[in-house]
Amino acid sequence: MSFYRFSEEEVKEILGRLDKISLELKQRQRTQPDEIWYDNQEFLNIMNVSKRTAGYWRTEKMIAYSQVGNKIYYRLADILDMLHKHKVQAGSSKSTT
């Protein structure tokens, strides 16, 4: 099996592109933090829930999401929206009927 070896110029060009992309992403996160997208695994970790719970939330339309093929993505704005919609105010009682 043979491997392709990048020239020093090609490596510098690739690193330059990566730096540019990284800077652009950081800038977007600062200017549009609600537009950050998380994949399903990141969402599960953030919310500390199981795949089944996340699936239930999606089928019950409790959270908005996007699906590309088998991959599911959530916007930070939609996660925050779901949390605000289900917020229970201090001192209020929520019935379970």
N, C-alpha and C. Protein backbone atom coordinates (compact mmCIF):
# COMPACT_ATOMS: atom_id res chain seq x y z
N MET A 1 0.85 -1.16 0.00
CA MET A 1 0.00 0.00 0.00
C MET A 1 0.90 1.23 0.00
N SER A 2 0.57 2.21 -0.84
CA SER A 2 1.38 3.42 -0.90
C SER A 2 0.61 4.59 -0.29
N PHE A 3 1.34 5.55 0.22
CA PHE A 3 0.76 6.73 0.84
C PHE A 3 1.17 7.96 0.07
N TYR A 4 0.26 8.91 0.01
CA TYR A 4 0.58 10.18 -0.64
C TYR A 4 1.27 11.07 0.38
N ARG A 5 2.35 11.66 0.02
CA ARG A 5 3.07 12.58 0.90
C ARG A 5 2.80 14.01 0.41
N PHE A 6 2.33 14.82 1.33
CA PHE A 6 2.08 16.22 1.02
C PHE A 6 3.40 16.98 1.01
N SER A 7 3.51 17.90 0.09
CA SER A 7 4.69 18.77 0.08
C SER A 7 4.53 19.80 1.20
N GLU A 8 5.62 20.46 1.52
CA GLU A 8 5.58 21.46 2.57
C GLU A 8 4.61 22.58 2.22
N GLU A 9 4.56 22.95 0.95
CA GLU A 9 3.64 24.00 0.50
C GLU A 9 2.18 23.56 0.67
N GLU A 10 1.89 22.30 0.33
CA GLU A 10 0.52 21.79 0.47
C GLU A 10 0.10 21.76 1.94
N VAL A 11 1.00 21.36 2.82
CA VAL A 11 0.71 21.33 4.25
C VAL A 11 0.42 22.75 4.74
N LYS A 12 1.23 23.72 4.34
CA LYS A 12 1.01 25.10 4.75
C LYS A 12 -0.33 25.62 4.24
N GLU A 13 -0.70 25.26 3.01
CA GLU A 13 -1.97 25.68 2.45
C GLU A 13 -3.14 25.07 3.22
N ILE A 14 -3.05 23.80 3.54
CA ILE A 14 -4.11 23.12 4.31
C ILE A 14 -4.23 23.74 5.69
N LEU A 15 -3.11 23.97 6.36
CA LEU A 15 -3.14 24.59 7.69
C LEU A 15 -3.73 26.00 7.63
N GLY A 16 -3.41 26.73 6.58
CA GLY A 16 -3.98 28.06 6.40
C GLY A 16 -5.49 28.01 6.25
N ARG A 17 -5.97 27.04 5.47
CA ARG A 17 -7.42 26.87 5.30
C ARG A 17 -8.09 26.52 6.62
N LEU A 18 -7.48 25.61 7.36
CA LEU A 18 -8.05 25.21 8.66
C LEU A 18 -8.09 26.39 9.62
N ASP A 19 -7.04 27.20 9.65
CA ASP A 19 -7.03 28.39 10.51
C ASP A 19 -8.14 29.35 10.13
N LYS A 20 -8.34 29.53 8.82
CA LYS A 20 -9.39 30.43 8.33
C LYS A 20 -10.77 29.92 8.73
N ILE A 21 -11.01 28.62 8.56
CA ILE A 21 -12.30 28.02 8.93
C ILE A 21 -12.52 28.13 10.43
N SER A 22 -11.49 27.84 11.21
CA SER A 22 -11.59 27.91 12.66
C SER A 22 -11.92 29.33 13.12
N LEU A 23 -11.26 30.32 12.54
CA LEU A 23 -11.52 31.72 12.88
C LEU A 23 -12.95 32.11 12.51
N GLU A 24 -13.40 31.66 11.35
CA GLU A 24 -14.76 31.97 10.89
C GLU A 24 -15.80 31.35 11.83
N LEU A 25 -15.58 30.11 12.26
CA LEU A 25 -16.51 29.45 13.18
C LEU A 25 -16.55 30.15 14.53
N LYS A 26 -15.38 30.53 15.04
CA LYS A 26 -15.33 31.25 16.32
C LYS A 26 -16.05 32.58 16.22
N GLN A 27 -15.89 33.27 15.11
CA GLN A 27 -16.56 34.56 14.92
C GLN A 27 -18.08 34.37 14.88
N ARG A 28 -18.54 33.35 14.18
CA ARG A 28 -19.99 33.08 14.12
C ARG A 28 -20.54 32.75 15.49
N GLN A 29 -19.79 32.00 16.29
CA GLN A 29 -20.26 31.65 17.63
C GLN A 29 -20.39 32.89 18.50
N ARG A 30 -19.53 33.86 18.29
CA ARG A 30 -19.61 35.10 19.06
C ARG A 30 -20.78 35.96 18.62
N THR A 31 -21.01 36.03 17.32
CA THR A 31 -22.05 36.91 16.80
C THR A 31 -23.42 36.25 16.74
N GLN A 32 -23.46 34.93 16.60
CA GLN A 32 -24.74 34.21 16.51
C GLN A 32 -24.68 32.94 17.37
N PRO A 33 -24.59 33.08 18.69
CA PRO A 33 -24.46 31.87 19.51
C PRO A 33 -25.65 30.93 19.44
N ASP A 34 -26.85 31.48 19.15
CA ASP A 34 -28.03 30.62 19.05
C ASP A 34 -28.02 29.77 17.79
N GLU A 35 -27.16 30.06 16.84
CA GLU A 35 -27.09 29.32 15.59
C GLU A 35 -26.07 28.19 15.64
N ILE A 36 -25.58 27.87 16.81
CA ILE A 36 -24.66 26.75 16.96
C ILE A 36 -25.49 25.47 16.86
N TRP A 37 -25.00 24.51 16.09
CA TRP A 37 -25.71 23.25 15.90
C TRP A 37 -24.97 22.14 16.63
N TYR A 38 -25.73 21.25 17.25
CA TYR A 38 -25.18 20.08 17.95
C TYR A 38 -25.74 18.82 17.32
N ASP A 39 -24.90 17.81 17.16
CA ASP A 39 -25.42 16.55 16.66
C ASP A 39 -26.11 15.81 17.82
N ASN A 40 -26.74 14.69 17.52
CA ASN A 40 -27.53 13.99 18.52
C ASN A 40 -26.70 13.58 19.74
N GLN A 41 -25.48 13.09 19.51
CA GLN A 41 -24.65 12.65 20.64
C GLN A 41 -24.29 13.82 21.55
N GLU A 42 -23.96 14.95 20.96
CA GLU A 42 -23.66 16.14 21.76
C GLU A 42 -24.89 16.57 22.55
N PHE A 43 -26.06 16.51 21.90
CA PHE A 43 -27.31 16.86 22.57
C PHE A 43 -27.58 15.94 23.76
N LEU A 44 -27.37 14.64 23.56
CA LEU A 44 -27.58 13.69 24.65
C LEU A 44 -26.67 14.01 25.82
N ASN A 45 -25.42 14.37 25.54
CA ASN A 45 -24.48 14.71 26.60
C ASN A 45 -24.86 16.01 27.29
N ILE A 46 -25.26 17.01 26.52
CA ILE A 46 -25.64 18.30 27.10
C ILE A 46 -26.84 18.14 28.02
N MET A 47 -27.84 17.41 27.55
CA MET A 47 -29.08 17.27 28.31
C MET A 47 -29.03 16.11 29.32
N ASN A 48 -28.02 15.27 29.19
CA ASN A 48 -27.87 14.11 30.07
C ASN A 48 -29.11 13.21 30.02
N VAL A 49 -29.53 12.89 28.78
CA VAL A 49 -30.69 12.02 28.57
C VAL A 49 -30.30 10.87 27.65
N SER A 50 -31.16 9.86 27.59
CA SER A 50 -30.91 8.71 26.72
C SER A 50 -31.39 9.00 25.30
N LYS A 51 -30.98 8.13 24.36
CA LYS A 51 -31.44 8.25 22.98
C LYS A 51 -32.96 8.13 22.92
N ARG A 52 -33.48 7.25 23.74
CA ARG A 52 -34.93 7.03 23.75
C ARG A 52 -35.68 8.28 24.20
N THR A 53 -35.17 8.95 25.22
CA THR A 53 -35.80 10.19 25.70
C THR A 53 -35.75 11.26 24.61
N ALA A 54 -34.59 11.41 23.96
CA ALA A 54 -34.47 12.40 22.89
C ALA A 54 -35.44 12.07 21.76
N GLY A 55 -35.57 10.79 21.43
CA GLY A 55 -36.51 10.36 20.39
C GLY A 55 -37.95 10.67 20.77
N TYR A 56 -38.28 10.46 22.03
CA TYR A 56 -39.62 10.77 22.53
C TYR A 56 -39.89 12.27 22.41
N TRP A 57 -38.93 13.08 22.81
CA TRP A 57 -39.09 14.54 22.71
C TRP A 57 -39.32 14.96 21.27
N ARG A 58 -38.62 14.30 20.33
CA ARG A 58 -38.80 14.64 18.91
C ARG A 58 -40.19 14.24 18.42
N THR A 59 -40.62 13.01 18.73
CA THR A 59 -41.94 12.55 18.24
C THR A 59 -43.08 13.34 18.88
N GLU A 60 -42.89 13.79 20.10
CA GLU A 60 -43.90 14.60 20.79
C GLU A 60 -43.79 16.08 20.42
N LYS A 61 -42.86 16.38 19.52
CA LYS A 61 -42.63 17.75 19.04
C LYS A 61 -42.31 18.71 20.19
N MET A 62 -41.58 18.20 21.17
CA MET A 62 -41.15 19.04 22.29
C MET A 62 -39.92 19.86 21.92
N ILE A 63 -39.16 19.40 20.94
CA ILE A 63 -37.96 20.10 20.50
C ILE A 63 -37.87 20.06 18.98
N ALA A 64 -37.46 21.18 18.41
CA ALA A 64 -37.25 21.24 16.96
C ALA A 64 -35.89 20.63 16.64
N TYR A 65 -35.78 20.04 15.46
CA TYR A 65 -34.53 19.42 15.05
C TYR A 65 -34.46 19.38 13.54
N SER A 66 -33.29 19.09 13.04
CA SER A 66 -33.10 18.88 11.60
C SER A 66 -32.51 17.50 11.41
N GLN A 67 -32.89 16.85 10.33
CA GLN A 67 -32.36 15.52 10.05
C GLN A 67 -31.82 15.49 8.63
N VAL A 68 -30.58 15.04 8.51
CA VAL A 68 -29.93 14.86 7.22
C VAL A 68 -29.55 13.39 7.16
N GLY A 69 -30.27 12.62 6.34
CA GLY A 69 -30.05 11.18 6.33
C GLY A 69 -30.43 10.62 7.70
N ASN A 70 -29.51 9.90 8.31
CA ASN A 70 -29.76 9.35 9.64
C ASN A 70 -29.23 10.24 10.75
N LYS A 71 -28.63 11.34 10.40
CA LYS A 71 -28.00 12.23 11.37
C LYS A 71 -28.99 13.30 11.83
N ILE A 72 -29.06 13.52 13.14
CA ILE A 72 -29.99 14.49 13.72
C ILE A 72 -29.20 15.62 14.35
N TYR A 73 -29.70 16.85 14.15
CA TYR A 73 -29.03 18.04 14.66
C TYR A 73 -30.03 18.92 15.40
N TYR A 74 -29.54 19.61 16.42
CA TYR A 74 -30.35 20.53 17.22
C TYR A 74 -29.64 21.88 17.28
N ARG A 75 -30.39 22.96 17.15
CA ARG A 75 -29.83 24.29 17.32
C ARG A 75 -29.85 24.64 18.80
N LEU A 76 -28.86 25.38 19.24
CA LEU A 76 -28.83 25.84 20.63
C LEU A 76 -30.10 26.64 20.94
N ALA A 77 -30.54 27.46 20.01
CA ALA A 77 -31.75 28.26 20.22
C ALA A 77 -32.96 27.36 20.49
N ASP A 78 -33.06 26.23 19.80
CA ASP A 78 -34.19 25.31 20.00
C ASP A 78 -34.09 24.58 21.33
N ILE A 79 -32.88 24.26 21.76
CA ILE A 79 -32.68 23.63 23.07
C ILE A 79 -33.12 24.60 24.16
N LEU A 80 -32.67 25.85 24.05
CA LEU A 80 -33.04 26.86 25.04
C LEU A 80 -34.53 27.13 25.02
N ASP A 81 -35.13 27.13 23.84
CA ASP A 81 -36.58 27.34 23.71
C ASP A 81 -37.35 26.24 24.42
N MET A 82 -36.93 24.99 24.24
CA MET A 82 -37.60 23.88 24.90
C MET A 82 -37.50 24.03 26.43
N LEU A 83 -36.31 24.39 26.91
CA LEU A 83 -36.13 24.56 28.35
C LEU A 83 -37.00 25.69 28.89
N HIS A 84 -37.11 26.80 28.15
CA HIS A 84 -37.94 27.91 28.60
C HIS A 84 -39.42 27.54 28.60
N LYS A 85 -39.86 26.78 27.59
CA LYS A 85 -41.27 26.37 27.51
C LYS A 85 -41.66 25.46 28.67
N HIS A 86 -40.70 24.70 29.18
CA HIS A 86 -41.00 23.74 30.24
C HIS A 86 -40.50 24.20 31.60
N LYS A 87 -40.21 25.48 31.71
CA LYS A 87 -39.71 26.04 32.95
C LYS A 87 -40.84 26.11 33.98
N VAL A 88 -40.55 25.69 35.18
CA VAL A 88 -41.51 25.76 36.28
C VAL A 88 -41.00 26.86 37.21
N GLN A 89 -41.87 27.83 37.45
CA GLN A 89 -41.48 28.96 38.30
C GLN A 89 -41.37 28.52 39.76
N ALA A 90 -40.44 29.11 40.47
CA ALA A 90 -40.27 28.82 41.89
C ALA A 90 -41.55 29.16 42.63
N GLY A 91 -41.97 28.28 43.52
CA GLY A 91 -43.16 28.51 44.30
C GLY A 91 -44.43 28.03 43.64
N SER A 92 -44.37 27.64 42.37
CA SER A 92 -45.57 27.15 41.70
C SER A 92 -45.63 25.63 41.82
N SER A 93 -46.83 25.12 41.83
CA SER A 93 -46.97 23.66 41.89
C SER A 93 -47.50 23.19 40.55
N LYS A 94 -46.96 22.10 40.10
CA LYS A 94 -47.36 21.54 38.81
C LYS A 94 -48.09 20.23 39.08
N SER A 95 -49.35 20.15 38.63
CA SER A 95 -50.09 18.92 38.86
C SER A 95 -49.64 17.84 37.90
N THR A 96 -49.75 16.59 38.31
CA THR A 96 -49.32 15.46 37.49
C THR A 96 -50.50 14.68 36.95
N THR A 97 -51.65 15.34 36.76
CA THR A 97 -52.83 14.65 36.23
C THR A 97 -52.93 14.75 34.76
